[in-house]
C-alpha atoms as a PDB file:
ATOM      1  CA  MET A   1       9.747   5.363  19.159  1.00  0.00           C
ATOM      2  CA  ASN A   2      10.454   6.670  15.657  1.00  0.00           C
ATOM      3  CA  PRO A   3       9.021  10.232  15.151  1.00  0.00           C
ATOM      4  CA  ASN A   4       7.310   9.088  11.916  1.00  0.00           C
ATOM      5  CA  ASN A   5       5.543   6.311  13.844  1.00  0.00           C
ATOM      6  CA  ILE A   6       4.403   8.815  16.466  1.00  0.00           C
ATOM      7  CA  THR A   7       3.016  11.085  13.733  1.00  0.00           C
ATOM      8  CA  ARG A   8       1.190   8.163  12.153  1.00  0.00           C
ATOM      9  CA  LEU A   9      -0.185   7.047  15.534  1.00  0.00           C
ATOM     10  CA  LEU A  10      -1.424  10.579  16.238  1.00  0.00           C
ATOM     11  CA  ALA A  11      -2.946  10.764  12.759  1.00  0.00           C
ATOM     12  CA  VAL A  12      -4.822   7.492  13.273  1.00  0.00           C
ATOM     13  CA  LEU A  13      -5.970   8.603  16.740  1.00  0.00           C
ATOM     14  CA  GLY A  14      -7.136  11.956  15.348  1.00  0.00           C
ATOM     15  CA  PHE A  15      -8.996  10.190  12.544  1.00  0.00           C
ATOM     16  CA  CYS A  16     -10.707   7.795  14.978  1.00  0.00           C
ATOM     17  CA  LEU A  17     -11.713  10.573  17.368  1.00  0.00           C
ATOM     18  CA  GLY A  18     -12.944  12.688  14.476  1.00  0.00           C
ATOM     19  CA  ALA A  19     -14.967   9.787  13.099  1.00  0.00           C
ATOM     20  CA  THR A  20     -16.676   9.289  16.470  1.00  0.00           C
ATOM     21  CA  GLY A  21     -17.507  12.964  16.760  1.00  0.00           C
ATOM     22  CA  LEU A  22     -15.255  13.630  19.770  1.00  0.00           C
ATOM     23  CA  LEU A  23     -13.208  16.073  17.753  1.00  0.00           C
ATOM     24  CA  SER A  24     -14.781  18.403  15.255  1.00  0.00           C
ATOM     25  CA  SER A  25     -13.814  21.360  13.174  1.00  0.00           C
ATOM     26  CA  THR A  26     -16.236  24.200  12.611  1.00  0.00           C
ATOM     27  CA  ALA A  27     -14.208  25.498   9.667  1.00  0.00           C
ATOM     28  CA  HIS A  28     -13.802  22.333   7.587  1.00  0.00           C
ATOM     29  CA  ALA A  29     -14.670  18.660   7.513  1.00  0.00           C
ATOM     30  CA  GLN A  30     -11.832  16.379   8.554  1.00  0.00           C
ATOM     31  CA  GLY A  31      -9.617  15.215   5.751  1.00  0.00           C
ATOM     32  CA  PHE A  32      -8.049  16.636   2.633  1.00  0.00           C
ATOM     33  CA  TYR A  33      -7.237  15.633  -0.923  1.00  0.00           C
ATOM     34  CA  VAL A  34      -4.117  16.177  -3.007  1.00  0.00           C
ATOM     35  CA  MET A  35      -4.729  15.977  -6.751  1.00  0.00           C
ATOM     36  CA  LEU A  36      -2.129  15.820  -9.519  1.00  0.00           C
ATOM     37  CA  ASP A  37      -3.405  16.821 -12.957  1.00  0.00           C
ATOM     38  CA  CYS A  38      -1.299  14.843 -15.416  1.00  0.00           C
ATOM     39  CA  HIS A  39      -3.338  15.665 -18.508  1.00  0.00           C
ATOM     40  CA  GLY A  40      -2.478  18.605 -20.727  1.00  0.00           C
ATOM     41  CA  THR A  41      -4.413  20.369 -23.450  1.00  0.00           C
ATOM     42  CA  ASN A  42      -5.347  18.406 -26.601  1.00  0.00           C
ATOM     43  CA  HIS A  43      -4.065  15.111 -25.115  1.00  0.00           C
ATOM     44  CA  LEU A  44      -0.476  16.372 -24.854  1.00  0.00           C
ATOM     45  CA  PRO A  45       2.028  15.459 -23.627  1.00  0.00           C
ATOM     46  CA  SER A  46       1.467  11.782 -24.354  1.00  0.00           C
ATOM     47  CA  TRP A  47       4.226  10.493 -22.029  1.00  0.00           C
ATOM     48  CA  SER A  48       2.649  11.404 -18.679  1.00  0.00           C
ATOM     49  CA  HIS A  49       2.711   7.867 -17.303  1.00  0.00           C
ATOM     50  CA  THR A  50       5.816   6.248 -15.836  1.00  0.00           C
ATOM     51  CA  SER A  51       6.978   2.915 -14.509  1.00  0.00           C
ATOM     52  CA  SER A  52       8.810   4.744 -11.711  1.00  0.00           C
ATOM     53  CA  THR A  53       7.210   5.116  -8.306  1.00  0.00           C
ATOM     54  CA  ILE A  54       5.732   8.560  -7.690  1.00  0.00           C
ATOM     55  CA  THR A  55       5.350   9.596  -4.042  1.00  0.00           C
ATOM     56  CA  ILE A  56       3.064  12.308  -2.678  1.00  0.00           C
ATOM     57  CA  LYS A  57       3.769  13.517   0.859  1.00  0.00           C
ATOM     58  CA  ALA A  58       2.194  16.185   3.046  1.00  0.00           C
ATOM     59  CA  LYS A  59       4.289  17.961   5.653  1.00  0.00           C
ATOM     60  CA  ILE A  60       2.197  18.379   8.811  1.00  0.00           C
ATOM     61  CA  ASP A  61       3.604  19.584  12.149  1.00  0.00           C
ATOM     62  CA  GLY A  62       7.133  19.346  10.741  1.00  0.00           C
ATOM     63  CA  PHE A  63       6.846  15.706   9.614  1.00  0.00           C
ATOM     64  CA  TYR A  64       6.241  14.286   6.146  1.00  0.00           C
ATOM     65  CA  ASN A  65       3.298  11.904   5.859  1.00  0.00           C
ATOM     66  CA  THR A  66       3.218   9.645   2.804  1.00  0.00           C
ATOM     67  CA  LEU A  67      -0.191   9.944   1.171  1.00  0.00           C
ATOM     68  CA  TRP A  68       0.461   7.908  -1.951  1.00  0.00           C
ATOM     69  CA  SER A  69       3.415   5.983  -3.404  1.00  0.00           C
ATOM     70  CA  TYR A  70       2.855   3.946  -6.583  1.00  0.00           C
ATOM     71  CA  PRO A  71       3.896   3.744 -10.216  1.00  0.00           C
ATOM     72  CA  PRO A  72       0.977   5.508 -11.941  1.00  0.00           C
ATOM     73  CA  ASP A  73      -1.008   3.498 -14.453  1.00  0.00           C
ATOM     74  CA  ALA A  74      -0.966   4.965 -17.982  1.00  0.00           C
ATOM     75  CA  SER A  75      -4.773   5.257 -17.996  1.00  0.00           C
ATOM     76  CA  TRP A  76      -4.717   7.543 -14.925  1.00  0.00           C
ATOM     77  CA  CYS A  77      -3.600  10.446 -17.100  1.00  0.00           C
ATOM     78  CA  ASN A  78      -6.135   9.963 -19.910  1.00  0.00           C
ATOM     79  CA  ASP A  79      -8.731  12.648 -20.594  1.00  0.00           C
ATOM     80  CA  GLU A  80      -9.192  14.838 -17.514  1.00  0.00           C
ATOM     81  CA  ASP A  81      -8.358  12.163 -14.958  1.00  0.00           C
ATOM     82  CA  GLU A  82      -6.142  13.044 -12.022  1.00  0.00           C
ATOM     83  CA  VAL A  83      -4.003  11.166  -9.525  1.00  0.00           C
ATOM     84  CA  VAL A  84      -5.848  11.679  -6.216  1.00  0.00           C
ATOM     85  CA  SER A  85      -4.764  10.886  -2.672  1.00  0.00           C
ATOM     86  CA  TYR A  86      -6.813  11.383   0.514  1.00  0.00           C
ATOM     87  CA  PHE A  87      -5.734  11.792   4.130  1.00  0.00           C
ATOM     88  CA  GLY A  88      -8.496  11.811   6.735  1.00  0.00           C
ATOM     89  CA  ALA A  89      -6.820  12.816   9.983  1.00  0.00           C
ATOM     90  CA  PHE A  90      -6.133  16.487   9.242  1.00  0.00           C
ATOM     91  CA  THR A  91      -7.513  19.385   7.206  1.00  0.00           C
ATOM     92  CA  ALA A  92      -5.802  21.221   4.363  1.00  0.00           C
ATOM     93  CA  ASP A  93      -5.079  24.058   6.820  1.00  0.00           C
ATOM     94  CA  ASP A  94      -2.723  21.678   8.672  1.00  0.00           C
ATOM     95  CA  VAL A  95      -0.607  21.052   5.563  1.00  0.00           C
ATOM     96  CA  GLU A  96       2.624  23.055   5.456  1.00  0.00           C
ATOM     97  CA  ARG A  97       3.708  21.760   2.039  1.00  0.00           C
ATOM     98  CA  ILE A  98       3.089  19.055  -0.525  1.00  0.00           C
ATOM     99  CA  ARG A  99       6.075  17.135  -1.925  1.00  0.00           C
ATOM    100  CA  VAL A 100       5.852  15.156  -5.159  1.00  0.00           C
ATOM    101  CA  SER A 101       8.919  13.014  -5.845  1.00  0.00           C
ATOM    102  CA  THR A 102      10.242   9.993  -7.701  1.00  0.00           C
ATOM    103  CA  GLY A 103      12.984   7.483  -7.178  1.00  0.00           C
ATOM    104  CA  GLY A 104      13.239   6.489 -10.835  1.00  0.00           C
ATOM    105  CA  GLU A 105      14.452   7.776 -14.155  1.00  0.00           C
ATOM    106  CA  ASP A 106      11.157   7.555 -16.055  1.00  0.00           C
ATOM    107  CA  VAL A 107       9.701  11.041 -16.337  1.00  0.00           C
ATOM    108  CA  PHE A 108       6.273  11.846 -14.887  1.00  0.00           C
ATOM    109  CA  TRP A 109       4.589  15.068 -16.023  1.00  0.00           C
ATOM    110  CA  ILE A 110       1.963  17.111 -14.149  1.00  0.00           C
ATOM    111  CA  ASP A 111       0.652  20.584 -14.904  1.00  0.00           C
ATOM    112  CA  GLU A 112      -1.366  21.243 -11.748  1.00  0.00           C
ATOM    113  CA  VAL A 113      -1.243  20.290  -8.079  1.00  0.00           C
ATOM    114  CA  LEU A 114      -4.345  20.947  -6.004  1.00  0.00           C
ATOM    115  CA  LEU A 115      -4.904  20.799  -2.241  1.00  0.00           C
ATOM    116  CA  GLN A 116      -8.541  20.570  -1.206  1.00  0.00           C
ATOM    117  CA  ASP A 117     -10.387  20.117   2.086  1.00  0.00           C
ATOM    118  CA  ALA A 118     -12.860  17.267   2.264  1.00  0.00           C
ATOM    119  CA  ASP A 119     -15.717  19.777   2.109  1.00  0.00           C
ATOM    120  CA  THR A 120     -14.416  21.107  -1.286  1.00  0.00           C
ATOM    121  CA  TYR A 121     -12.770  24.254   0.079  1.00  0.00           C
ATOM    122  CA  TRP A 122      -9.709  24.911  -2.123  1.00  0.00           C
ATOM    123  CA  GLN A 123      -6.640  25.556  -0.012  1.00  0.00           C
ATOM    124  CA  GLY A 124      -3.856  25.507  -2.589  1.00  0.00           C
ATOM    125  CA  TRP A 125      -3.484  25.441  -6.355  1.00  0.00           C
ATOM    126  CA  TRP A 126      -0.146  25.364  -8.163  1.00  0.00           C
ATOM    127  CA  GLY A 127       0.492  25.347 -11.900  1.00  0.00           C
ATOM    128  CA  THR A 128      -1.773  26.030 -14.868  1.00  0.00           C
ATOM    129  CA  ASP A 129      -4.044  23.732 -16.849  1.00  0.00           C
ATOM    130  CA  ASN A 130      -2.028  23.795 -20.077  1.00  0.00           C
ATOM    131  CA  ASN A 131       0.913  22.020 -21.730  1.00  0.00           C
ATOM    132  CA  THR A 132       3.737  23.317 -19.535  1.00  0.00           C
ATOM    133  CA  GLY A 133       4.235  21.532 -16.255  1.00  0.00           C
ATOM    134  CA  TYR A 134       6.431  19.931 -13.668  1.00  0.00           C
ATOM    135  CA  CYS A 135       8.641  17.081 -14.913  1.00  0.00           C
ATOM    136  CA  ILE A 136       9.635  14.644 -12.189  1.00  0.00           C
ATOM    137  CA  SER A 137      12.539  12.264 -12.807  1.00  0.00           C
ATOM    138  CA  GLN A 138      15.948  11.399 -11.378  1.00  0.00           C
ATOM    139  CA  ASP A 139      17.324  12.141 -14.869  1.00  0.00           C
ATOM    140  CA  PRO A 140      17.369  15.952 -15.380  1.00  0.00           C
ATOM    141  CA  HIS A 141      17.728  15.477 -19.155  1.00  0.00           C
ATOM    142  CA  ASP A 142      14.187  14.055 -19.246  1.00  0.00           C
ATOM    143  CA  GLY A 143      12.990  17.641 -19.015  1.00  0.00           C
ATOM    144  CA  GLU A 144      14.752  18.972 -22.082  1.00  0.00           C
ATOM    145  CA  ASN A 145      11.571  19.768 -24.011  1.00  0.00           C
ATOM    146  CA  SER A 146       8.914  22.468 -24.230  1.00  0.00           C
ATOM    147  CA  TYR A 147       6.525  20.655 -21.849  1.00  0.00           C
ATOM    148  CA  CYS A 148       8.813  20.916 -18.805  1.00  0.00           C
ATOM    149  CA  LEU A 149       9.051  23.998 -16.604  1.00  0.00           C
ATOM    150  CA  ASN A 150      12.547  25.518 -16.968  1.00  0.00           C
ATOM    151  CA  GLY A 151      13.437  22.811 -19.523  1.00  0.00           C
ATOM    152  CA  THR A 152      14.550  20.299 -16.898  1.00  0.00           C
ATOM    153  CA  ALA A 153      13.237  17.466 -14.745  1.00  0.00           C
ATOM    154  CA  TYR A 154      13.596  17.457 -10.970  1.00  0.00           C
ATOM    155  CA  SER A 155      13.593  14.527  -8.551  1.00  0.00           C
ATOM    156  CA  ALA A 156      11.090  16.382  -6.334  1.00  0.00           C
ATOM    157  CA  PHE A 157       8.923  19.495  -6.209  1.00  0.00           C
ATOM    158  CA  ASP A 158       7.727  21.161  -3.015  1.00  0.00           C
ATOM    159  CA  PHE A 159       4.501  23.154  -3.100  1.00  0.00           C
ATOM    160  CA  ILE A 160       4.285  25.443  -0.049  1.00  0.00           C
ATOM    161  CA  ASN A 161       0.853  26.054   1.407  1.00  0.00           C
END
């Protein structure tokens, strides 16, 4: 059996057992959120949306679990909205790293990545709520502007917990 399928099967089993109360955590509720803040200060930058697929993965027990993989809608980055994904089988303490990646050449901009337990305990926070952030694109030239960290775009960023 494929190791990714085993991880998914274990995740589903853990979620089901947790939902029935057979497994419980005294430290945190089961589940965690990953949030991408794609809204800067004063409605800048205005090109946060993309037609390229953005993928959010969490590395747990050495395996990457896909939490979310879609082309973000332009309205998701309006005002203070965030791209949010939820995974119910584990807690934020189980997450080794968060990977945000793209397979396309349309840039996607985020200034903060947040990892939060289901009971609102903050586990990880990367970036700053401002106008400089992480530019994600297969085309490194997409990052040649003042909004992109290090003046370049990367195909993926890893955020280590």
